[in-house]
């Protein structure tokens, strides 16, 4: 079993080098194209060629990451700064000065030559071993005046008998050298194509800045909503209560019989105001989360939905209160959108927790069989979900083709 595993490992390394050797031809084409574009930078056309060249270079580097990741089993992260759709002169200058472009070009340059040699060696060494092994048979089959050989000519049986030793030497070199070269080519991609620590820190700072801005936007939007709900709802009702109590006070002096109905109306208005205040408090932080937990709270939402909701909770772990509250409101808003806009008969709601190296992530999937065509720009509901999710450095993915189905996937990191 161990021998078979070693042979399989060697064969994987050999195939990897052969593929990389073929890919090296493309890398060399990128090198020559880059040199030509660099020479053309004195002209406008050179600057116009930079953005498409960088896009293709990033694609080719991404393919190398994929191939290397398949061979090594380790994922090489892809962290490029975004490119403008129609980059201007300043954008092109930024691209040319960016570390990612320099590292990608350095990789295609080294890869183009190193992988070409490694791929050639990976093909030649095994063939040389096989050729040396069968040379005695060639020599025996050929006429006496036709010597054969590779390192030296075989003209006698003693020389022919040494050819298997040459084959064994070739095989031994190939057995050791090919995996070593494969590791070197993979290490080249890992070193030059993986983002540097400075890049990761810079992008982390950018992500935190964007997350902070999203949190502030979400907080501001929430304050505006609370102010609007108080102004349009409870405040108006409390003003009405004050007016009704004033009328009741006047009626007590003039016509006591009219005071009781006015007091009853004031009591009803006060009850409505209290109900709206409770709803408002519920929207800030639902008490049901403390009472039943997220699973129970979401089950209550699913049970109240007028569209049949199939709830599937898988391996759900407890998360910080802020994350659970965000998840609750995401589900509530998503189900509200389904009821109002989808025309669906059934909605499938799945909530689970996925554990990874960077911590746990809560996954929320909402799939309905409605008409589809959901547009994030057309309403505030989906934008509100995205804003709330972004505040936790989460992601929201929407897939809603015309005719349905609509799939909403939200990922919320639980490390808060």
Protein backbone atom coordinates (compact mmCIF):
# COMPACT_ATOMS: atom_id res chain seq x y z
CA UNK A 1 0.00 0.00 0.00
CA UNK A 2 2.80 2.43 0.89
CA UNK A 3 4.59 1.62 -2.38
CA UNK A 4 1.42 2.25 -4.36
CA UNK A 5 0.94 5.55 -2.53
CA UNK A 6 4.50 6.61 -3.35
CA UNK A 7 4.01 5.70 -7.00
CA UNK A 8 0.74 7.63 -7.11
CA UNK A 9 2.45 10.65 -5.52
CA UNK A 10 5.27 10.49 -8.06
CA UNK A 11 2.84 10.19 -10.93
CA UNK A 12 0.84 13.19 -9.67
CA UNK A 13 4.05 15.22 -9.53
CA UNK A 14 4.98 14.11 -13.05
CA UNK A 15 1.56 15.06 -14.44
CA UNK A 16 1.69 18.39 -12.63
CA UNK A 17 5.07 19.20 -14.19
CA UNK A 18 3.86 18.19 -17.65
CA UNK A 19 0.84 20.47 -17.36
CA UNK A 20 2.98 23.29 -15.98
CA UNK A 21 5.47 22.78 -18.79
CA UNK A 22 2.70 23.27 -21.35
CA UNK A 23 1.37 26.25 -19.39
CA UNK A 24 4.86 27.76 -19.40
CA UNK A 25 4.46 28.47 -23.12
CA UNK A 26 1.47 30.69 -22.31
CA UNK A 27 3.42 32.35 -19.49
CA UNK A 28 6.23 33.18 -21.90
CA UNK A 29 3.67 34.69 -24.26
CA UNK A 30 2.53 36.91 -21.38
CA UNK A 31 6.14 37.93 -20.75
CA UNK A 32 6.74 38.94 -24.36
CA UNK A 33 3.36 40.70 -24.55
CA UNK A 34 4.17 42.60 -21.37
CA UNK A 35 7.53 43.70 -22.76
CA UNK A 36 5.89 44.90 -25.97
CA UNK A 37 3.26 46.87 -24.02
CA UNK A 38 6.01 48.38 -21.85
CA UNK A 39 7.77 49.55 -24.99
CA UNK A 40 4.51 51.04 -26.28
CA UNK A 41 3.89 53.09 -23.13
CA UNK A 42 5.46 56.06 -24.88
CA UNK A 43 2.32 56.01 -27.06
CA UNK A 44 -1.36 56.22 -26.12
CA UNK A 45 -2.00 52.72 -27.44
CA UNK A 46 0.33 51.28 -24.80
CA UNK A 47 -1.71 52.81 -21.99
CA UNK A 48 -4.91 51.51 -23.58
CA UNK A 49 -3.51 47.97 -23.66
CA UNK A 50 -2.57 47.88 -19.97
CA UNK A 51 -6.06 47.23 -18.46
CA UNK A 52 -6.95 44.26 -20.73
CA UNK A 53 -3.44 42.86 -20.26
CA UNK A 54 -3.78 43.07 -16.46
CA UNK A 55 -7.21 41.39 -16.60
CA UNK A 56 -5.82 38.50 -18.66
CA UNK A 57 -2.75 38.30 -16.43
CA UNK A 58 -4.97 38.06 -13.35
CA UNK A 59 -7.01 35.33 -15.03
CA UNK A 60 -3.88 33.36 -15.91
CA UNK A 61 -2.51 33.76 -12.39
CA UNK A 62 -5.87 32.57 -11.05
CA UNK A 63 -5.62 29.45 -13.20
CA UNK A 64 -2.16 28.83 -11.75
CA UNK A 65 -3.56 29.19 -8.23
CA UNK A 66 -6.24 26.65 -9.09
CA UNK A 67 -3.77 24.15 -10.57
CA UNK A 68 -1.34 24.54 -7.69
CA UNK A 69 -4.13 24.28 -5.14
CA UNK A 70 -5.35 21.07 -6.77
CA UNK A 71 -1.85 19.63 -6.58
CA UNK A 72 -0.94 20.73 -3.05
CA UNK A 73 -4.42 20.62 -1.52
CA UNK A 74 -3.96 24.15 -0.13
CA UNK A 75 -6.02 27.06 -1.40
CA UNK A 76 -4.04 30.10 -2.56
CA UNK A 77 -6.02 33.23 -1.77
CA UNK A 78 -6.88 35.71 -4.50
CA UNK A 79 -6.83 39.28 -3.18
CA UNK A 80 -6.76 41.79 -6.01
CA UNK A 81 -7.86 45.41 -5.65
CA UNK A 82 -10.91 46.11 -7.84
CA UNK A 83 -10.42 47.49 -11.33
CA UNK A 84 -12.56 50.24 -12.80
CA UNK A 85 -14.78 49.25 -15.74
CA UNK A 86 -13.42 52.16 -17.77
CA UNK A 87 -10.07 53.01 -16.15
CA UNK A 88 -8.62 56.44 -16.72
CA UNK A 89 -5.01 57.55 -16.89
CA UNK A 90 -4.67 57.68 -13.10
CA UNK A 91 -6.17 54.18 -12.78
CA UNK A 92 -3.66 52.80 -15.30
CA UNK A 93 -0.78 54.44 -13.43
CA UNK A 94 -2.05 52.84 -10.22
CA UNK A 95 -2.19 49.45 -11.94
CA UNK A 96 1.35 49.76 -13.22
CA UNK A 97 2.59 50.71 -9.75
CA UNK A 98 0.58 48.06 -7.89
CA UNK A 99 2.45 45.28 -6.14
CA UNK A 100 0.00 42.64 -7.36
CA UNK A 101 0.79 43.36 -11.03
CA UNK A 102 4.53 43.29 -10.36
CA UNK A 103 4.26 39.99 -8.49
CA UNK A 104 2.08 38.43 -11.20
CA UNK A 105 4.52 39.52 -13.90
CA UNK A 106 7.44 38.19 -11.86
CA UNK A 107 5.61 34.88 -11.57
CA UNK A 108 4.93 34.51 -15.32
CA UNK A 109 8.56 35.38 -16.04
CA UNK A 110 10.04 32.81 -13.67
CA UNK A 111 7.30 30.27 -14.40
CA UNK A 112 7.76 30.61 -18.16
CA UNK A 113 11.38 29.49 -17.99
CA UNK A 114 11.47 27.29 -14.87
CA UNK A 115 8.29 25.32 -15.62
CA UNK A 116 9.32 24.85 -19.25
CA UNK A 117 12.60 23.26 -18.15
CA UNK A 118 10.89 21.24 -15.41
CA UNK A 119 8.22 19.97 -17.80
CA UNK A 120 10.91 19.01 -20.34
CA UNK A 121 12.84 17.10 -17.67
CA UNK A 122 9.64 15.38 -16.47
CA UNK A 123 9.10 14.03 -19.99
CA UNK A 124 12.71 13.27 -20.95
CA UNK A 125 13.91 11.41 -17.83
CA UNK A 126 11.24 8.65 -17.87
CA UNK A 127 11.63 8.28 -21.65
CA UNK A 128 15.41 8.06 -21.28
CA UNK A 129 15.01 5.34 -18.65
CA UNK A 130 12.71 3.32 -20.90
CA UNK A 131 14.97 3.89 -23.91
CA UNK A 132 18.06 2.73 -22.02
CA UNK A 133 16.20 -0.36 -20.82
CA UNK A 134 15.26 -1.50 -24.33
CA UNK A 135 18.52 -0.53 -26.08
CA UNK A 136 19.98 -4.08 -25.71
CA UNK A 137 17.00 -5.41 -27.63
CA UNK A 138 17.46 -2.72 -30.29
CA UNK A 139 21.14 -3.57 -30.59
CA UNK A 140 20.42 -7.28 -30.89
CA UNK A 141 17.80 -6.67 -33.60
CA UNK A 142 19.93 -4.26 -35.62
CA UNK A 143 22.65 -5.35 -38.05
CA UNK A 144 26.14 -5.70 -36.57
CA UNK A 145 27.42 -2.55 -38.26
CA UNK A 146 24.56 -0.41 -36.83
CA UNK A 147 25.48 0.52 -33.22
CA UNK A 148 22.83 2.10 -31.00
CA UNK A 149 22.90 3.93 -27.69
CA UNK A 150 22.13 7.19 -25.88
CA UNK A 151 25.00 8.11 -23.52
CA UNK A 152 27.45 5.89 -25.38
CA UNK A 153 27.26 3.55 -28.34
CA UNK A 154 26.58 -0.13 -27.74
CA UNK A 155 28.88 -2.26 -29.86
CA UNK A 156 29.15 -5.43 -27.76
CA UNK A 157 27.19 -7.52 -25.29
CA UNK A 158 29.16 -6.23 -22.27
CA UNK A 159 28.22 -2.68 -23.21
CA UNK A 160 24.62 -3.73 -23.84
CA UNK A 161 24.50 -5.34 -20.40
CA UNK A 162 25.32 -1.99 -18.78
CA UNK A 163 22.30 -0.25 -20.34
CA UNK A 164 19.84 -1.47 -17.65
CA UNK A 165 22.15 0.15 -15.10
CA UNK A 166 21.88 3.42 -17.03
CA UNK A 167 18.10 2.97 -17.09
CA UNK A 168 18.10 2.45 -13.32
CA UNK A 169 20.16 5.61 -12.89
CA UNK A 170 17.72 7.58 -15.03
CA UNK A 171 14.80 6.11 -13.06
CA UNK A 172 16.44 6.93 -9.73
CA UNK A 173 17.10 10.51 -10.78
CA UNK A 174 13.53 10.84 -12.06
CA UNK A 175 12.13 9.28 -8.87
CA UNK A 176 13.85 11.91 -6.73
CA UNK A 177 14.04 14.94 -9.04
CA UNK A 178 10.50 15.09 -10.45
CA UNK A 179 8.69 15.42 -7.07
CA UNK A 180 11.34 17.93 -5.95
CA UNK A 181 10.79 20.04 -9.07
CA UNK A 182 7.02 19.80 -8.63
CA UNK A 183 7.34 21.09 -5.08
CA UNK A 184 9.57 23.92 -6.30
CA UNK A 185 7.11 24.98 -9.03
CA UNK A 186 4.23 24.82 -6.53
CA UNK A 187 6.25 26.83 -4.01
CA UNK A 188 6.94 29.42 -6.71
CA UNK A 189 3.20 29.94 -7.23
CA UNK A 190 2.51 29.93 -3.50
CA UNK A 191 5.23 32.52 -2.87
CA UNK A 192 4.53 34.94 -5.71
CA UNK A 193 0.77 34.54 -6.23
CA UNK A 194 -0.39 34.47 -2.61
CA UNK A 195 -1.16 37.91 -1.15
CA UNK A 196 1.54 39.36 1.08
CA UNK A 197 0.87 40.06 4.74
CA UNK A 198 0.91 43.79 3.99
CA UNK A 199 -1.73 43.29 1.30
CA UNK A 200 -3.91 41.23 3.61
CA UNK A 201 -3.59 43.82 6.38
CA UNK A 202 -4.39 46.64 3.95
CA UNK A 203 -7.45 44.86 2.63
CA UNK A 204 -8.47 43.96 6.17
CA UNK A 205 -8.30 47.64 7.11
CA UNK A 206 -10.34 48.52 4.02
CA UNK A 207 -12.90 45.85 4.90
CA UNK A 208 -13.11 47.10 8.48
CA UNK A 209 -13.53 50.67 7.23
CA UNK A 210 -16.32 49.58 4.90
CA UNK A 211 -17.87 47.51 7.69
CA UNK A 212 -17.74 50.48 10.06
CA UNK A 213 -19.36 52.70 7.44
CA UNK A 214 -22.05 50.08 6.86
CA UNK A 215 -22.63 49.79 10.61
CA UNK A 216 -22.97 53.57 10.89
CA UNK A 217 -25.36 53.62 7.93
CA UNK A 218 -27.40 50.81 9.43
CA UNK A 219 -27.44 52.57 12.80
CA UNK A 220 -28.49 55.87 11.20
CA UNK A 221 -31.20 54.14 9.19
CA UNK A 222 -32.45 52.40 12.33
CA UNK A 223 -32.56 55.69 14.25
CA UNK A 224 -34.46 57.34 11.39
CA UNK A 225 -36.93 54.46 11.33
CA UNK A 226 -37.45 54.65 15.09
CA UNK A 227 -37.91 58.43 14.90
CA UNK A 228 -40.37 58.04 12.02
CA UNK A 229 -42.33 55.31 13.79
CA UNK A 230 -42.49 57.35 17.00
CA UNK A 231 -43.52 60.51 15.16
CA UNK A 232 -46.11 58.89 12.89
CA UNK A 233 -47.44 56.39 15.38
CA UNK A 234 -47.11 56.56 19.15
CA UNK A 235 -46.50 60.32 19.31
CA UNK A 236 -49.65 61.13 17.34
CA UNK A 237 -51.70 58.75 19.44
CA UNK A 238 -50.36 60.26 22.68
CA UNK A 239 -51.22 63.74 21.39
CA UNK A 240 -54.71 62.44 20.67
CA UNK A 241 -54.91 61.03 24.21
CA UNK A 242 -53.96 64.43 25.66
CA UNK A 243 -56.61 66.14 23.54
CA UNK A 244 -59.27 63.59 24.51
CA UNK A 245 -58.43 63.96 28.18
CA UNK A 246 -58.69 67.74 27.79
CA UNK A 247 -62.12 67.39 26.20
CA UNK A 248 -63.17 64.96 28.93
CA UNK A 249 -62.04 67.47 31.58
CA UNK A 250 -64.11 70.19 29.93
CA UNK A 251 -67.09 67.85 29.65
CA UNK A 252 -66.94 67.09 33.36
CA UNK A 253 -67.54 70.77 34.01
CA UNK A 254 -70.20 71.30 31.36
CA UNK A 255 -71.85 67.95 30.60
CA UNK A 256 -70.59 65.10 32.83
CA UNK A 257 -72.51 62.49 30.78
CA UNK A 258 -70.28 63.15 27.75
CA UNK A 259 -67.08 62.70 29.72
CA UNK A 260 -67.24 58.89 29.98
CA UNK A 261 -67.23 58.15 26.20
CA UNK A 262 -64.34 60.55 25.76
CA UNK A 263 -62.40 58.83 28.54
CA UNK A 264 -63.07 55.46 26.88
CA UNK A 265 -61.73 56.76 23.55
CA UNK A 266 -58.70 58.19 25.34
CA UNK A 267 -58.09 54.81 26.96
CA UNK A 268 -58.33 53.06 23.58
CA UNK A 269 -55.90 55.55 22.04
CA UNK A 270 -53.49 55.05 24.96
CA UNK A 271 -53.73 51.26 24.50
CA UNK A 272 -52.95 51.63 20.79
CA UNK A 273 -49.98 53.85 21.61
CA UNK A 274 -48.72 51.29 24.14
CA UNK A 275 -49.09 48.53 21.55
CA UNK A 276 -47.09 50.52 19.01
CA UNK A 277 -44.39 51.21 21.59
CA UNK A 278 -44.17 47.49 22.33
CA UNK A 279 -43.85 46.77 18.61
CA UNK A 280 -41.15 49.41 18.34
CA UNK A 281 -39.21 47.91 21.25
CA UNK A 282 -39.64 44.47 19.68
CA UNK A 283 -38.11 45.76 16.44
CA UNK A 284 -35.08 47.11 18.33
CA UNK A 285 -34.36 43.79 20.06
CA UNK A 286 -37.00 41.03 20.07
CA UNK A 287 -37.56 39.70 23.61
CA UNK A 288 -38.43 36.35 22.06
CA UNK A 289 -34.73 35.83 21.34
CA UNK A 290 -34.01 35.78 25.07
CA UNK A 291 -37.02 33.60 25.75
CA UNK A 292 -36.73 30.97 23.00
CA UNK A 293 -33.35 31.54 21.37
CA UNK A 294 -32.83 32.10 17.67
CA UNK A 295 -34.24 28.72 16.63
CA UNK A 296 -37.47 29.25 18.55
CA UNK A 297 -37.78 32.87 17.42
CA UNK A 298 -37.33 31.93 13.77
CA UNK A 299 -39.81 29.07 14.18
CA UNK A 300 -42.33 31.62 15.45
CA UNK A 301 -41.70 33.80 12.38
CA UNK A 302 -42.14 30.79 10.10
CA UNK A 303 -45.35 29.83 11.85
CA UNK A 304 -46.83 33.32 11.44
CA UNK A 305 -45.95 33.53 7.73
CA UNK A 306 -48.98 33.51 5.42
CA UNK A 307 -46.85 31.65 2.85
CA UNK A 308 -46.14 28.03 3.76
CA UNK A 309 -42.67 28.07 5.31
CA UNK A 310 -40.58 24.90 5.62
CA UNK A 311 -37.96 25.46 8.30
CA UNK A 312 -34.76 23.43 8.44
CA UNK A 313 -32.34 24.16 11.29
CA UNK A 314 -29.02 22.32 10.99
CA UNK A 315 -26.27 22.31 13.58
CA UNK A 316 -27.15 25.80 14.77
CA UNK A 317 -24.83 27.05 17.51
CA UNK A 318 -25.47 29.95 19.83
CA UNK A 319 -23.99 33.21 18.60
CA UNK A 320 -23.48 36.64 20.17
CA UNK A 321 -26.73 38.49 20.84
CA UNK A 322 -26.04 41.09 18.14
CA UNK A 323 -25.50 38.40 15.50
CA UNK A 324 -28.65 36.51 16.51
CA UNK A 325 -30.65 39.74 16.42
CA UNK A 326 -29.30 40.51 12.94
CA UNK A 327 -30.15 36.98 11.79
CA UNK A 328 -33.67 37.32 13.21
CA UNK A 329 -34.30 40.59 11.37
CA UNK A 330 -32.82 39.16 8.15
CA UNK A 331 -35.26 36.25 8.31
CA UNK A 332 -38.16 38.54 9.22
CA UNK A 333 -37.45 40.92 6.33
CA UNK A 334 -36.86 38.07 3.88
CA UNK A 335 -40.17 36.39 4.77
CA UNK A 336 -41.94 39.75 4.53
CA UNK A 337 -40.53 40.22 1.03
CA UNK A 338 -41.68 36.73 0.05
CA UNK A 339 -45.21 37.42 1.28
CA UNK A 340 -45.48 40.87 -0.32
CA UNK A 341 -43.70 40.48 -3.64
CA UNK A 342 -42.94 36.90 -4.68
CA UNK A 343 -46.36 35.33 -5.22
CA UNK A 344 -44.85 32.11 -3.89
CA UNK A 345 -46.75 29.13 -2.52
CA UNK A 346 -43.86 27.74 -0.47
CA UNK A 347 -40.65 29.12 0.99
CA UNK A 348 -37.79 26.97 2.31
CA UNK A 349 -35.82 28.50 5.16
CA UNK A 350 -32.53 26.88 6.20
CA UNK A 351 -30.32 28.09 9.04
CA UNK A 352 -27.04 26.44 9.98
CA UNK A 353 -23.64 27.15 11.48
CA UNK A 354 -20.47 26.40 9.57
CA UNK A 355 -17.19 26.12 11.42
CA UNK A 356 -13.92 27.10 9.76
CA UNK A 357 -10.36 28.13 10.50
CA UNK A 358 -11.40 31.76 10.97
CA UNK A 359 -14.33 30.94 13.25
CA UNK A 360 -18.00 30.11 12.93
CA UNK A 361 -20.32 31.52 10.30
CA UNK A 362 -24.10 31.48 10.39
CA UNK A 363 -25.64 30.57 7.02
CA UNK A 364 -29.21 31.63 6.18
CA UNK A 365 -30.82 30.35 2.97
CA UNK A 366 -34.27 31.52 1.88
CA UNK A 367 -35.62 29.88 -1.29
CA UNK A 368 -39.13 30.55 -2.62
CA UNK A 369 -40.99 29.20 -5.66
CA UNK A 370 -42.38 32.59 -6.66
CA UNK A 371 -42.20 34.59 -9.86
CA UNK A 372 -38.61 35.75 -9.34
CA UNK A 373 -37.20 38.96 -10.74
CA UNK A 374 -36.35 40.43 -7.33
CA UNK A 375 -34.38 43.65 -7.74
CA UNK A 376 -32.30 44.99 -4.88
CA UNK A 377 -32.50 48.51 -6.29
CA UNK A 378 -36.28 48.47 -6.57
CA UNK A 379 -37.07 48.38 -2.86
CA UNK A 380 -35.62 49.10 0.54
CA UNK A 381 -36.11 45.61 2.01
CA UNK A 382 -33.20 43.89 0.29
CA UNK A 383 -31.01 46.96 0.67
CA UNK A 384 -31.78 46.95 4.37
CA UNK A 385 -30.76 43.29 4.62
CA UNK A 386 -27.48 43.96 2.82
CA UNK A 387 -26.78 46.99 5.01
CA UNK A 388 -27.47 45.02 8.18
CA UNK A 389 -25.32 42.09 7.01
CA UNK A 390 -22.44 44.35 5.92
CA UNK A 391 -22.29 45.81 9.41
CA UNK A 392 -21.08 42.37 10.58
CA UNK A 393 -18.69 41.90 7.63
CA UNK A 394 -21.10 39.35 6.25
CA UNK A 395 -22.21 38.70 2.69
CA UNK A 396 -25.56 38.59 0.93
CA UNK A 397 -26.08 36.77 -2.37
CA UNK A 398 -29.31 37.12 -4.36
CA UNK A 399 -30.26 34.90 -7.31
CA UNK A 400 -33.69 35.71 -8.71
CA UNK A 401 -34.16 34.98 -12.42
CA UNK A 402 -37.44 35.82 -14.12
CA UNK A 403 -39.88 33.01 -13.46
CA UNK A 404 -38.14 32.02 -10.23
CA UNK A 405 -37.06 30.53 -8.01
CA UNK A 406 -35.53 33.21 -5.83
CA UNK A 407 -32.60 32.27 -3.60
CA UNK A 408 -31.28 34.56 -0.89
CA UNK A 409 -28.14 33.44 0.94
CA UNK A 410 -26.70 35.35 3.87
CA UNK A 411 -23.47 34.60 5.71
CA UNK A 412 -22.95 36.20 9.12
CA UNK A 413 -19.59 35.77 10.89
CA UNK A 414 -20.13 34.88 14.53
CA UNK A 415 -16.84 36.25 15.84
CA UNK A 416 -18.31 39.43 17.33
